Amino acid sequence: MYYLYLLLCADNSLYTGITDDIKNRLAVHQSGKGSKYVRSRLPVKLIYQEEQSDKSTALKRELEVKSWSRTEKIARLGLGGVS
């Protein structure tokens, strides 16, 4: 099982990624040892996750979501609390 996830960063930007262990990946991000993008925008908050059946499907979904604008991500993923 893989997961697509979105983080809300301290600068109010959104970060999209995939993982097979969401709890561990979030801990890595929070510790500052995750992606370079997130490292400079701590702290982060997990605001969305969805299950994917395998890595290939998760990667395709990640590319799809990353192609959307911020406004589209908020609307299409039901992130009403994010402005």
Protein backbone atom coordinates (compact mmCIF):
# COMPACT_ATOMS: atom_id res chain seq x y z
CA MET A 1 0.00 0.00 0.00
CA TYR A 2 1.25 3.47 -0.90
CA TYR A 3 -0.10 6.87 0.05
CA LEU A 4 -0.33 10.20 -1.68
CA TYR A 5 -0.05 12.96 0.92
CA LEU A 6 -0.14 16.73 1.14
CA LEU A 7 1.59 18.82 3.76
CA LEU A 8 0.80 22.38 4.72
CA CYS A 9 4.12 24.10 5.35
CA ALA A 10 4.84 26.96 7.75
CA ASP A 11 4.95 29.45 4.85
CA ASN A 12 1.42 28.27 3.84
CA SER A 13 2.71 26.41 0.76
CA LEU A 14 1.58 22.89 -0.10
CA TYR A 15 3.91 19.93 -0.57
CA THR A 16 2.78 16.76 -2.35
CA GLY A 17 4.53 13.42 -2.00
CA ILE A 18 4.10 9.65 -1.83
CA THR A 19 5.25 7.05 0.67
CA ASP A 20 4.61 3.51 1.81
CA ASP A 21 4.79 4.55 5.49
CA ILE A 22 2.99 7.84 6.12
CA LYS A 23 3.71 8.00 9.87
CA ASN A 24 7.45 7.49 9.38
CA ARG A 25 7.63 9.87 6.41
CA LEU A 26 5.93 12.64 8.38
CA ALA A 27 8.38 12.10 11.26
CA VAL A 28 11.31 12.34 8.82
CA HIS A 29 9.91 15.59 7.39
CA GLN A 30 9.33 17.04 10.87
CA SER A 31 12.89 16.18 11.93
CA GLY A 32 14.27 18.24 9.04
CA LYS A 33 15.71 15.20 7.28
CA GLY A 34 13.07 14.94 4.58
CA SER A 35 12.98 16.83 1.33
CA LYS A 36 15.00 20.02 0.91
CA TYR A 37 11.80 21.93 0.13
CA VAL A 38 10.09 20.94 3.38
CA ARG A 39 13.25 21.29 5.47
CA SER A 40 13.27 25.04 4.91
CA ARG A 41 9.54 25.40 5.64
CA LEU A 42 9.09 23.67 9.01
CA PRO A 43 6.92 22.93 10.83
CA VAL A 44 4.54 21.08 8.53
CA LYS A 45 1.09 19.61 9.04
CA LEU A 46 -0.37 16.59 7.25
CA ILE A 47 -3.60 17.85 5.68
CA TYR A 48 -4.48 15.11 3.19
CA GLN A 49 -3.74 11.48 2.44
CA GLU A 50 -5.20 8.88 0.14
CA GLU A 51 -4.38 5.22 -0.30
CA GLN A 52 -3.01 3.90 -3.57
CA SER A 53 -2.73 0.22 -4.44
CA ASP A 54 0.92 0.30 -5.53
CA LYS A 55 3.89 2.57 -6.17
CA SER A 56 3.18 2.99 -9.88
CA THR A 57 -0.38 4.17 -9.22
CA ALA A 58 0.83 6.49 -6.46
CA LEU A 59 3.45 8.06 -8.74
CA LYS A 60 0.86 8.67 -11.46
CA ARG A 61 -1.52 10.24 -8.96
CA GLU A 62 1.31 12.40 -7.55
CA LEU A 63 2.09 13.74 -11.03
CA GLU A 64 -1.58 14.47 -11.61
CA VAL A 65 -2.00 16.37 -8.33
CA LYS A 66 1.28 18.26 -8.77
CA SER A 67 0.03 19.51 -12.15
CA TRP A 68 -2.89 21.27 -10.45
CA SER A 69 -2.74 24.83 -9.18
CA ARG A 70 -3.04 25.49 -5.46
CA THR A 71 -6.68 26.51 -5.96
CA GLU A 72 -7.42 23.28 -7.83
CA LYS A 73 -5.78 21.17 -5.13
CA ILE A 74 -7.88 22.83 -2.44
CA ALA A 75 -11.11 22.42 -4.41
CA ARG A 76 -10.57 18.93 -5.85
CA LEU A 77 -9.25 17.38 -2.63
CA GLY A 78 -11.77 19.07 -0.32
CA LEU A 79 -9.21 21.10 1.62
CA GLY A 80 -11.69 23.80 2.60
CA GLY A 81 -9.77 24.79 5.75
CA VAL A 82 -6.71 25.79 3.71
CA SER A 83 -6.65 29.25 2.19
